Protein backbone atom coordinates (compact mmCIF):
# COMPACT_ATOMS: atom_id res chain seq x y z
CA MET A 1 0.00 0.00 0.00
CA LYS A 2 1.29 3.44 -0.88
CA ARG A 3 -0.14 6.60 0.65
CA ALA A 4 0.32 10.10 -0.68
CA ILE A 5 -0.94 13.40 0.65
CA VAL A 6 -2.71 15.09 -2.24
CA ALA A 7 -3.50 18.34 -0.40
CA ALA A 8 -1.76 18.93 2.93
CA ALA A 9 -3.60 20.66 5.73
CA PRO A 10 -2.82 24.36 5.86
CA LEU A 11 -0.83 25.28 8.95
CA SER A 12 -2.43 28.27 10.61
CA PRO A 13 -0.39 31.26 11.76
CA ALA A 14 -1.62 30.44 15.27
CA ALA A 15 0.54 27.29 15.27
CA LEU A 16 3.68 29.25 14.46
CA ALA A 17 2.75 31.93 17.01
CA GLU A 18 2.28 29.25 19.70
CA LEU A 19 5.67 27.69 18.94
CA LYS A 20 7.42 31.07 18.88
CA ASP A 21 5.80 31.94 22.22
CA TRP A 22 6.98 28.61 23.70
CA LEU A 23 10.53 29.30 22.49
CA GLY A 24 10.48 33.01 23.38
CA ILE A 25 11.19 34.10 19.81
CA ASN A 26 9.93 37.57 18.81
CA THR A 27 11.42 37.96 15.32
CA SER A 28 10.41 36.43 12.00
CA GLY A 29 13.91 35.38 10.91
CA GLU A 30 13.37 31.73 11.90
CA ASP A 31 9.78 31.37 10.66
CA ALA A 32 10.61 29.01 7.79
CA THR A 33 12.68 26.74 10.04
CA LEU A 34 10.03 26.75 12.75
CA THR A 35 7.25 25.98 10.25
CA ALA A 36 9.30 23.03 8.95
CA GLN A 37 9.73 21.82 12.55
CA LEU A 38 5.95 22.04 13.09
CA ARG A 39 5.29 20.03 9.92
CA ALA A 40 7.79 17.38 11.01
CA ALA A 41 6.18 17.27 14.48
CA LEU A 42 2.74 16.80 12.87
CA GLU A 43 4.13 13.83 10.89
CA THR A 44 5.67 12.35 14.04
CA CYS A 45 2.38 12.79 15.87
CA GLU A 46 0.58 10.89 13.10
CA ALA A 47 3.16 8.10 13.17
CA PHE A 48 2.96 7.82 16.98
CA THR A 49 -0.82 8.00 17.38
CA GLY A 50 -1.88 6.36 14.12
CA GLN A 51 -4.17 9.32 13.48
CA MET A 52 -3.74 12.29 11.18
CA PRO A 53 -3.96 15.42 13.34
CA LEU A 54 -5.14 17.97 10.73
CA VAL A 55 -7.57 17.17 7.93
CA ALA A 56 -5.81 16.53 4.61
CA GLU A 57 -6.72 14.99 1.28
CA CYS A 58 -4.93 11.66 0.82
CA GLU A 59 -4.66 8.89 -1.73
CA ASP A 60 -3.90 5.23 -1.01
CA VAL A 61 -2.91 2.91 -3.83
CA ILE A 62 -3.82 -0.65 -2.93
CA ALA A 63 -3.76 -4.03 -4.62
CA VAL A 64 -6.92 -5.41 -6.18
CA SER A 65 -8.47 -7.83 -3.71
CA SER A 66 -11.88 -9.21 -2.89
CA GLU A 67 -10.80 -9.15 0.79
CA TRP A 68 -11.42 -6.11 2.99
CA GLN A 69 -8.40 -3.79 3.04
CA LYS A 70 -7.99 -0.89 5.42
CA LEU A 71 -6.79 2.54 4.39
CA ASP A 72 -3.49 3.69 5.89
CA VAL A 73 -4.78 6.85 7.54
CA ARG A 74 -7.45 7.49 10.11
CA PRO A 75 -9.83 8.93 10.99
CA VAL A 76 -11.30 8.82 7.50
CA LEU A 77 -13.95 11.50 7.11
CA SER A 78 -15.04 10.80 3.54
CA ILE A 79 -13.97 8.87 0.47
CA THR A 80 -14.08 11.13 -2.56
CA SER A 81 -13.13 8.74 -5.34
CA VAL A 82 -12.19 5.16 -6.14
CA GLU A 83 -10.41 4.55 -9.44
CA GLY A 84 -8.77 1.55 -11.03
CA LEU A 85 -5.18 1.73 -12.19
CA ALA A 86 -4.08 -0.24 -15.23
CA ASN A 87 -0.57 -1.70 -15.48
CA ASP A 88 0.55 1.32 -17.51
CA GLY A 89 -0.73 3.75 -14.82
CA THR A 90 -3.85 4.78 -16.73
CA ARG A 91 -6.75 5.60 -14.41
CA LEU A 92 -9.98 3.75 -15.04
CA ALA A 93 -13.40 4.90 -13.89
CA LEU A 94 -15.09 2.47 -11.50
CA THR A 95 -18.80 2.50 -10.75
CA PRO A 96 -19.93 2.33 -7.10
CA ALA A 97 -21.12 -1.24 -7.83
CA ALA A 98 -17.46 -2.26 -8.39
CA TYR A 99 -16.47 -1.85 -4.73
CA ALA A 100 -17.78 -1.83 -1.18
CA LEU A 101 -16.85 0.67 1.53
CA ASP A 102 -17.04 0.43 5.30
CA PHE A 103 -16.24 2.91 8.05
CA ARG A 104 -15.46 1.63 11.55
CA ALA A 105 -16.10 3.41 14.84
CA ASP A 106 -12.36 4.08 15.30
CA GLY A 107 -12.29 6.07 12.04
CA THR A 108 -10.75 3.35 9.91
CA GLY A 109 -11.90 3.21 6.29
CA TRP A 110 -12.13 -0.17 4.56
CA LEU A 111 -12.48 -1.09 0.88
CA ARG A 112 -13.26 -4.36 -0.87
CA MET A 113 -13.28 -4.85 -4.63
CA LEU A 114 -16.29 -6.57 -6.14
CA ASP A 115 -15.51 -6.03 -9.84
CA PRO A 116 -12.14 -4.41 -10.62
CA GLY A 117 -12.50 -4.73 -14.38
CA LEU A 118 -9.07 -4.27 -16.00
CA ALA A 119 -7.52 -2.62 -12.94
CA SER A 120 -4.40 -4.14 -11.36
CA ARG A 121 -4.37 -1.63 -8.48
CA ILE A 122 -6.89 0.73 -6.92
CA ALA A 123 -6.44 4.45 -6.11
CA VAL A 124 -8.63 5.62 -3.24
CA ARG A 125 -8.88 9.36 -2.53
CA PHE A 126 -10.23 10.46 0.81
CA SER A 127 -10.10 13.14 3.47
CA ALA A 128 -8.86 12.23 6.92
CA GLY A 129 -7.94 14.01 10.13
CA LEU A 130 -8.99 14.83 13.65
CA ALA A 131 -9.43 18.61 13.28
CA THR A 132 -9.97 21.02 10.42
CA ASP A 133 -7.65 23.64 11.90
CA TRP A 134 -4.96 24.14 14.55
CA SER A 135 -7.33 25.52 17.19
CA GLY A 136 -9.59 22.47 16.80
CA LEU A 137 -6.87 20.00 17.81
CA PRO A 138 -7.23 18.47 21.26
CA ASP A 139 -5.00 20.29 23.75
CA GLY A 140 -2.73 17.30 24.45
CA LEU A 141 -1.98 16.71 20.78
CA ARG A 142 -1.47 20.41 20.02
CA HIS A 143 0.79 20.96 23.03
CA GLY A 144 2.79 17.82 22.22
CA ILE A 145 3.32 19.02 18.65
CA VAL A 146 4.58 22.39 19.90
CA ARG A 147 6.87 20.75 22.48
CA LEU A 148 8.31 18.35 19.91
CA ALA A 149 8.89 21.13 17.37
CA ALA A 150 10.60 23.21 20.09
CA HIS A 151 12.71 20.24 21.16
CA GLN A 152 13.80 19.52 17.58
CA TYR A 153 14.56 23.22 17.00
CA ARG A 154 16.72 23.40 20.12
CA GLN A 155 18.49 20.12 19.31
CA ARG A 156 18.98 20.79 15.57
CA GLU A 157 22.76 21.04 15.88
CA ALA A 158 23.29 18.61 18.76
CA GLY A 159 24.62 15.16 17.96
CA ASP A 160 22.54 13.22 20.52
CA LYS A 161 18.85 13.93 20.04
CA GLY A 162 17.55 11.16 22.30
CA PRO A 163 14.25 9.38 21.74
CA VAL A 164 11.69 10.84 19.35
CA PRO A 165 9.24 11.75 20.61
CA PRO A 166 10.69 12.63 24.01
CA ALA A 167 8.93 11.05 27.00
CA ALA A 168 7.08 14.29 27.88
CA VAL A 169 5.59 14.46 24.39
CA ALA A 170 4.80 10.74 24.28
CA ALA A 171 2.89 11.14 27.55
CA LEU A 172 0.74 13.86 26.00
CA TRP A 173 0.02 11.76 22.89
CA ARG A 174 -0.41 8.34 24.50
CA PRO A 175 -4.18 8.73 25.14
CA TRP A 176 -4.65 9.20 21.38
CA ARG A 177 -2.61 6.16 20.43
CA GLY A 178 -4.62 3.18 19.24
CA PRO A 179 -3.85 -0.37 20.31
CA ARG A 180 -0.86 -1.94 18.54
CA LEU A 181 -0.41 -5.58 17.63
CA LEU A 182 3.12 -6.89 18.04
């Protein structure tokens, strides 16, 4: 399975302002670096919790299968398109009768092919995320993202960065982490 972000969530100026306040930075000279640190912290948050913090448009490319397959990202809010992919990469229109969709209580989206036609793979476009904007994020996630971005900014030139995320950030995110199978 291969996931791509088609349209990333916009990062509000409030996020940068919160990080700059945490770090005690009053100038705009480091804004690009700090924004990059926030984006990296958002990705780490998603990897740790298994949930996309801010709503984004995504696309998963999955194998054709009559078995149920789950999408990589959660919580899935809506599936906007399902297309077949031919061996040469050509996109093929699929009717809703060609597949079945299911949404679970934990936000996981599932797809099962009923009639793939000539498709060898399936491209599923969907929107997923916990909040539509920075201020809508739960406090623990938002604060953890700011703390991780600040930590990475402060440690950017140090050789030993320690665990990522640091224990203080992991503690903030742990309630949002789904169960993991080993």
